[in-house]
């Protein structure tokens, strides 16, 4: 009996540690105002990247650009230039202009699933739902299709404010002819970056800013997309695994109690998972588990 008590004590300590980590892991560091009263860098000073070498007086050095990656406007300009006519064709579009543009469109559509998974709340939701299915030990119940479907609609629900901002600030002005397509794309990306930065831990964001060797950003618009996306992804993985570990604890306690009862009764050959499964389902239903799970997922986003 003593070793069971030791196991329960260890699980209790682990639960306290995980709760403390989930409370402090996402706490944002205070941002001290600068001398002119504006907000300082959004990354901690201790983790800010080293300053880039400045240009020399004789013009020997040049300041590093903000980001060496091409923007959407640059990509569109390259496609237009590649498919435009030249002096040999008399200014008419080349024969491969339409196929090239179609290839660009289909490539963008192929990247949409990756954007859905790595730039929205989908990653956290689907991982937590997968954890609860493993904790219940119900094998393929709910089926994977149902898990993915619920995760998609919960993603639409949690991302509705961000999608509304994109529609008002980018889509509708573009349809009304008040904004060019590259400007609308950049406006939409800025709104997505604003959402991702709110969910990203400061330590993860500062780490990728340092790896990219870019100047310390003062605003969200200053952060390149190739920096904020991986920082957001690993932050989502951390939070979803924390929530999944906390979900496992009550069901693990049920497994321990059932295994102890079967062992004391001399039924060593009977798998404890078969006996504990109905008790797990009853407990999950009695506490209204799906309601609590959806509430926890929705309220976990800032």
Protein backbone atom coordinates (compact mmCIF):
# COMPACT_ATOMS: atom_id res chain seq x y z
CA UNK A 1 0.00 0.00 0.00
CA UNK A 2 2.94 2.29 0.67
CA UNK A 3 4.17 2.21 -2.91
CA UNK A 4 0.69 3.25 -4.11
CA UNK A 5 0.72 6.20 -1.76
CA UNK A 6 4.16 7.16 -3.07
CA UNK A 7 2.86 7.05 -6.64
CA UNK A 8 -0.11 9.25 -5.74
CA UNK A 9 2.19 11.71 -3.96
CA UNK A 10 4.48 11.89 -7.00
CA UNK A 11 1.50 12.50 -9.28
CA UNK A 12 0.24 15.26 -6.97
CA UNK A 13 3.62 17.00 -7.01
CA UNK A 14 3.76 16.68 -10.81
CA UNK A 15 0.30 18.23 -11.11
CA UNK A 16 1.33 21.19 -8.93
CA UNK A 17 4.49 21.71 -11.00
CA UNK A 18 2.54 21.61 -14.26
CA UNK A 19 -0.04 24.07 -12.96
CA UNK A 20 2.70 26.44 -11.86
CA UNK A 21 4.45 26.12 -15.22
CA UNK A 22 1.25 26.81 -17.14
CA UNK A 23 0.63 29.91 -15.05
CA UNK A 24 4.12 31.33 -15.35
CA UNK A 25 5.22 30.05 -18.74
CA UNK A 26 2.97 32.45 -20.64
CA UNK A 27 3.39 35.44 -18.41
CA UNK A 28 4.59 38.35 -20.44
CA UNK A 29 7.59 40.30 -19.33
CA UNK A 30 6.93 43.97 -18.55
CA UNK A 31 7.86 46.39 -21.28
CA UNK A 32 9.59 49.45 -20.00
CA UNK A 33 8.85 52.72 -21.80
CA UNK A 34 11.69 54.37 -23.65
CA UNK A 35 13.01 57.84 -23.08
CA UNK A 36 10.56 59.48 -25.46
CA UNK A 37 7.57 57.80 -23.80
CA UNK A 38 7.01 55.16 -26.52
CA UNK A 39 6.85 51.45 -25.87
CA UNK A 40 10.18 49.67 -25.87
CA UNK A 41 11.17 46.51 -27.72
CA UNK A 42 8.72 43.64 -27.48
CA UNK A 43 11.51 41.19 -26.65
CA UNK A 44 13.32 41.05 -23.27
CA UNK A 45 16.49 43.15 -23.20
CA UNK A 46 18.56 40.20 -22.02
CA UNK A 47 17.57 38.17 -25.08
CA UNK A 48 17.74 40.94 -27.68
CA UNK A 49 19.93 40.14 -30.67
CA UNK A 50 23.33 41.70 -30.91
CA UNK A 51 23.33 45.00 -32.86
CA UNK A 52 24.31 44.82 -36.50
CA UNK A 53 27.51 46.64 -37.51
CA UNK A 54 26.81 50.17 -38.70
CA UNK A 55 28.05 51.64 -41.94
CA UNK A 56 31.50 53.18 -41.81
CA UNK A 57 32.19 56.82 -42.56
CA UNK A 58 33.95 56.09 -45.82
CA UNK A 59 31.08 54.05 -47.13
CA UNK A 60 32.95 50.76 -46.81
CA UNK A 61 30.12 49.10 -44.85
CA UNK A 62 26.40 49.04 -45.50
CA UNK A 63 23.56 48.69 -43.06
CA UNK A 64 21.85 45.32 -43.12
CA UNK A 65 18.36 45.31 -44.62
CA UNK A 66 15.36 44.73 -42.39
CA UNK A 67 14.59 41.42 -44.06
CA UNK A 68 16.28 39.75 -47.01
CA UNK A 69 13.22 37.65 -47.89
CA UNK A 70 11.02 38.85 -50.75
CA UNK A 71 7.60 40.20 -49.94
CA UNK A 72 4.33 39.33 -51.68
CA UNK A 73 4.59 42.42 -53.87
CA UNK A 74 8.05 41.28 -55.04
CA UNK A 75 6.78 37.79 -55.89
CA UNK A 76 3.87 39.21 -57.88
CA UNK A 77 6.20 41.60 -59.69
CA UNK A 78 8.46 38.70 -60.66
CA UNK A 79 5.50 36.70 -62.00
CA UNK A 80 4.21 39.69 -63.99
CA UNK A 81 7.65 40.38 -65.44
CA UNK A 82 8.21 36.73 -66.34
CA UNK A 83 4.86 36.43 -68.11
CA UNK A 84 4.85 39.87 -69.73
CA UNK A 85 5.73 40.40 -73.36
CA UNK A 86 9.08 41.66 -74.57
CA UNK A 87 10.47 43.22 -77.73
CA UNK A 88 10.62 39.85 -79.49
CA UNK A 89 6.89 39.22 -79.07
CA UNK A 90 5.87 42.79 -79.83
CA UNK A 91 4.72 43.46 -76.24
CA UNK A 92 2.19 40.61 -76.29
CA UNK A 93 2.07 38.15 -73.39
CA UNK A 94 4.15 35.04 -73.93
CA UNK A 95 2.58 31.66 -74.60
CA UNK A 96 3.37 30.36 -71.11
CA UNK A 97 1.98 33.36 -69.19
CA UNK A 98 -1.33 31.69 -68.31
CA UNK A 99 0.24 28.36 -67.20
CA UNK A 100 2.76 30.16 -65.00
CA UNK A 101 0.06 32.21 -63.30
CA UNK A 102 -2.06 29.10 -62.79
CA UNK A 103 0.95 27.32 -61.27
CA UNK A 104 1.43 30.21 -58.83
CA UNK A 105 -2.27 30.15 -57.88
CA UNK A 106 -2.30 26.37 -57.32
CA UNK A 107 0.91 26.59 -55.29
CA UNK A 108 -0.71 29.15 -53.03
CA UNK A 109 -3.78 26.93 -52.63
CA UNK A 110 -1.54 23.96 -51.77
CA UNK A 111 0.04 25.98 -48.95
CA UNK A 112 -3.32 26.88 -47.40
CA UNK A 113 -3.52 23.72 -45.23
CA UNK A 114 -0.08 24.45 -43.80
CA UNK A 115 -1.16 28.03 -43.07
CA UNK A 116 -4.33 26.75 -41.39
CA UNK A 117 -2.33 24.44 -39.12
CA UNK A 118 0.66 26.63 -38.26
CA UNK A 119 -0.74 30.18 -38.26
CA UNK A 120 -4.05 29.69 -36.45
CA UNK A 121 -5.37 28.10 -33.27
CA UNK A 122 -5.84 24.75 -35.04
CA UNK A 123 -2.59 23.23 -33.75
CA UNK A 124 -3.38 23.69 -30.07
CA UNK A 125 -6.98 22.52 -30.42
CA UNK A 126 -6.28 19.34 -32.40
CA UNK A 127 -3.41 18.30 -30.09
CA UNK A 128 -5.53 18.74 -26.94
CA UNK A 129 -8.43 16.81 -28.51
CA UNK A 130 -6.03 14.01 -29.43
CA UNK A 131 -4.72 13.97 -25.86
CA UNK A 132 -8.21 13.57 -24.40
CA UNK A 133 -8.90 10.63 -26.71
CA UNK A 134 -5.68 8.94 -25.60
CA UNK A 135 -6.44 9.66 -21.94
CA UNK A 136 -9.87 8.04 -22.25
CA UNK A 137 -8.22 5.02 -23.96
CA UNK A 138 -11.17 4.76 -26.32
CA UNK A 139 -8.93 3.86 -29.30
CA UNK A 140 -10.64 5.49 -32.34
CA UNK A 141 -13.66 6.95 -30.53
CA UNK A 142 -14.29 9.77 -31.37
CA UNK A 143 -12.98 9.00 -34.87
CA UNK A 144 -10.19 11.06 -36.35
CA UNK A 145 -12.58 12.70 -38.83
CA UNK A 146 -14.74 13.96 -35.96
CA UNK A 147 -11.68 15.25 -34.07
CA UNK A 148 -10.42 17.15 -37.12
CA UNK A 149 -13.89 18.53 -37.88
CA UNK A 150 -14.40 19.78 -34.33
CA UNK A 151 -10.91 21.30 -34.35
CA UNK A 152 -11.62 23.14 -37.62
CA UNK A 153 -14.89 24.68 -36.42
CA UNK A 154 -13.39 25.62 -33.05
CA UNK A 155 -10.57 27.23 -35.02
CA UNK A 156 -13.07 29.29 -37.02
CA UNK A 157 -14.77 30.30 -33.77
CA UNK A 158 -11.57 31.42 -32.02
CA UNK A 159 -10.19 33.09 -35.16
CA UNK A 160 -13.42 34.96 -35.97
CA UNK A 161 -12.24 38.32 -34.51
CA UNK A 162 -8.99 38.13 -36.51
CA UNK A 163 -10.79 37.11 -39.71
CA UNK A 164 -13.21 40.00 -39.19
CA UNK A 165 -10.32 42.46 -38.97
CA UNK A 166 -8.81 41.01 -42.16
CA UNK A 167 -12.15 41.34 -43.96
CA UNK A 168 -12.70 44.94 -42.83
CA UNK A 169 -9.12 46.13 -43.26
CA UNK A 170 -7.96 44.19 -46.33
CA UNK A 171 -10.62 42.25 -48.26
CA UNK A 172 -13.35 44.89 -48.49
CA UNK A 173 -10.97 47.80 -49.38
CA UNK A 174 -9.43 45.61 -52.11
CA UNK A 175 -12.86 44.72 -53.54
CA UNK A 176 -13.84 48.40 -53.47
CA UNK A 177 -10.71 49.34 -55.41
CA UNK A 178 -9.25 51.33 -52.52
CA UNK A 179 -6.24 49.07 -52.02
CA UNK A 180 -3.93 47.09 -54.28
CA UNK A 181 -3.63 43.34 -53.99
CA UNK A 182 -0.09 43.35 -52.49
CA UNK A 183 -1.13 45.99 -49.94
CA UNK A 184 -4.20 43.95 -48.99
CA UNK A 185 -2.06 40.83 -48.57
CA UNK A 186 0.40 42.68 -46.36
CA UNK A 187 -2.48 44.07 -44.28
CA UNK A 188 -3.90 40.59 -43.79
CA UNK A 189 -0.50 39.18 -42.83
CA UNK A 190 -0.07 41.97 -40.27
CA UNK A 191 -3.38 41.00 -38.64
CA UNK A 192 -2.31 37.35 -38.53
CA UNK A 193 1.04 38.33 -37.01
CA UNK A 194 -0.78 40.37 -34.36
CA UNK A 195 -2.77 37.26 -33.39
CA UNK A 196 0.29 35.02 -33.35
CA UNK A 197 2.38 37.42 -31.27
CA UNK A 198 -0.37 37.58 -28.61
CA UNK A 199 -0.16 33.79 -28.21
CA UNK A 200 3.64 33.50 -28.41
CA UNK A 201 5.88 33.40 -25.38
CA UNK A 202 8.36 36.26 -25.19
CA UNK A 203 11.27 33.84 -24.75
CA UNK A 204 10.43 31.93 -27.93
CA UNK A 205 9.96 35.11 -29.94
CA UNK A 206 13.21 36.60 -28.67
CA UNK A 207 15.06 33.37 -29.46
CA UNK A 208 14.04 33.38 -33.12
CA UNK A 209 14.67 37.11 -33.40
CA UNK A 210 18.22 36.46 -32.20
CA UNK A 211 18.68 33.51 -34.56
CA UNK A 212 17.47 35.58 -37.53
CA UNK A 213 19.88 38.39 -36.58
CA UNK A 214 17.29 41.09 -37.20
CA UNK A 215 17.05 44.33 -35.19
CA UNK A 216 14.92 44.21 -32.05
CA UNK A 217 11.36 44.92 -33.25
CA UNK A 218 9.45 47.84 -31.74
CA UNK A 219 6.02 46.87 -33.11
CA UNK A 220 4.34 43.74 -34.39
CA UNK A 221 4.67 44.95 -38.00
CA UNK A 222 8.47 45.02 -37.57
CA UNK A 223 8.64 41.26 -36.95
CA UNK A 224 9.24 39.26 -40.15
CA UNK A 225 6.77 36.46 -40.85
CA UNK A 226 9.54 33.83 -41.03
CA UNK A 227 10.43 34.73 -37.43
CA UNK A 228 7.02 34.89 -35.78
CA UNK A 229 5.57 31.71 -37.37
CA UNK A 230 8.06 29.18 -35.91
CA UNK A 231 8.02 30.99 -32.56
CA UNK A 232 4.23 30.79 -32.52
CA UNK A 233 4.33 27.08 -33.49
CA UNK A 234 6.62 25.95 -30.68
CA UNK A 235 4.67 28.06 -28.19
CA UNK A 236 1.47 26.32 -29.28
CA UNK A 237 3.14 22.92 -28.91
CA UNK A 238 4.23 23.77 -25.37
CA UNK A 239 0.80 25.02 -24.26
CA UNK A 240 -1.05 22.10 -25.84
CA UNK A 241 1.26 19.56 -24.18
CA UNK A 242 0.77 21.28 -20.82
CA UNK A 243 -2.99 21.06 -21.19
CA UNK A 244 -2.73 17.45 -22.35
CA UNK A 245 -0.64 16.42 -19.33
CA UNK A 246 -3.15 18.00 -16.96
CA UNK A 247 -5.96 16.13 -18.73
CA UNK A 248 -4.16 12.81 -18.25
CA UNK A 249 -3.87 13.06 -14.44
CA UNK A 250 -7.48 12.23 -13.34
CA UNK A 251 -7.75 9.34 -15.80
CA UNK A 252 -4.35 8.04 -14.72
CA UNK A 253 -5.53 8.03 -11.11
CA UNK A 254 -8.54 5.92 -12.14
CA UNK A 255 -6.18 3.45 -13.83
CA UNK A 256 -4.04 3.23 -10.67
CA UNK A 257 -7.05 2.63 -8.42
CA UNK A 258 -8.50 -0.03 -10.69
CA UNK A 259 -5.12 -1.75 -11.07
CA UNK A 260 -4.66 -1.78 -7.29
CA UNK A 261 -8.11 -3.29 -6.73
CA UNK A 262 -7.55 -6.00 -9.35
CA UNK A 263 -4.13 -6.80 -7.92
CA UNK A 264 -5.46 -7.11 -4.38
CA UNK A 265 -8.31 -9.32 -5.66
CA UNK A 266 -5.82 -11.65 -7.33
CA UNK A 267 -7.01 -10.93 -10.87
CA UNK A 268 -3.57 -10.21 -12.33
CA UNK A 269 -4.42 -11.51 -15.81
CA UNK A 270 -7.38 -9.14 -16.30
CA UNK A 271 -6.27 -5.94 -18.13
CA UNK A 272 -7.04 -2.89 -15.96
CA UNK A 273 -7.84 -0.79 -19.06
CA UNK A 274 -10.93 -2.88 -19.78
CA UNK A 275 -12.34 -2.27 -16.29
CA UNK A 276 -11.32 1.39 -15.99
CA UNK A 277 -12.73 2.43 -19.40
CA UNK A 278 -16.40 2.62 -18.27
CA UNK A 279 -15.43 4.58 -15.16
CA UNK A 280 -13.44 7.07 -17.28
CA UNK A 281 -16.37 7.60 -19.64
CA UNK A 282 -18.82 7.99 -16.72
CA UNK A 283 -16.55 10.53 -15.04
CA UNK A 284 -16.08 12.47 -18.29
CA UNK A 285 -19.83 12.58 -18.92
CA UNK A 286 -20.78 13.49 -15.34
CA UNK A 287 -18.46 16.51 -15.25
CA UNK A 288 -19.69 17.61 -18.71
CA UNK A 289 -16.22 17.07 -20.12
CA UNK A 290 -16.80 18.29 -23.66
CA UNK A 291 -18.25 21.57 -22.41
CA UNK A 292 -15.32 22.10 -20.04
CA UNK A 293 -12.83 21.14 -22.73
CA UNK A 294 -14.29 23.53 -25.31
CA UNK A 295 -14.47 26.31 -22.71
CA UNK A 296 -10.85 25.78 -21.68
CA UNK A 297 -9.66 25.78 -25.29
CA UNK A 298 -11.57 28.89 -26.32
CA UNK A 299 -10.60 30.90 -23.22
CA UNK A 300 -6.94 29.87 -23.48
CA UNK A 301 -6.40 32.24 -26.42
CA UNK A 302 -5.59 35.88 -25.71
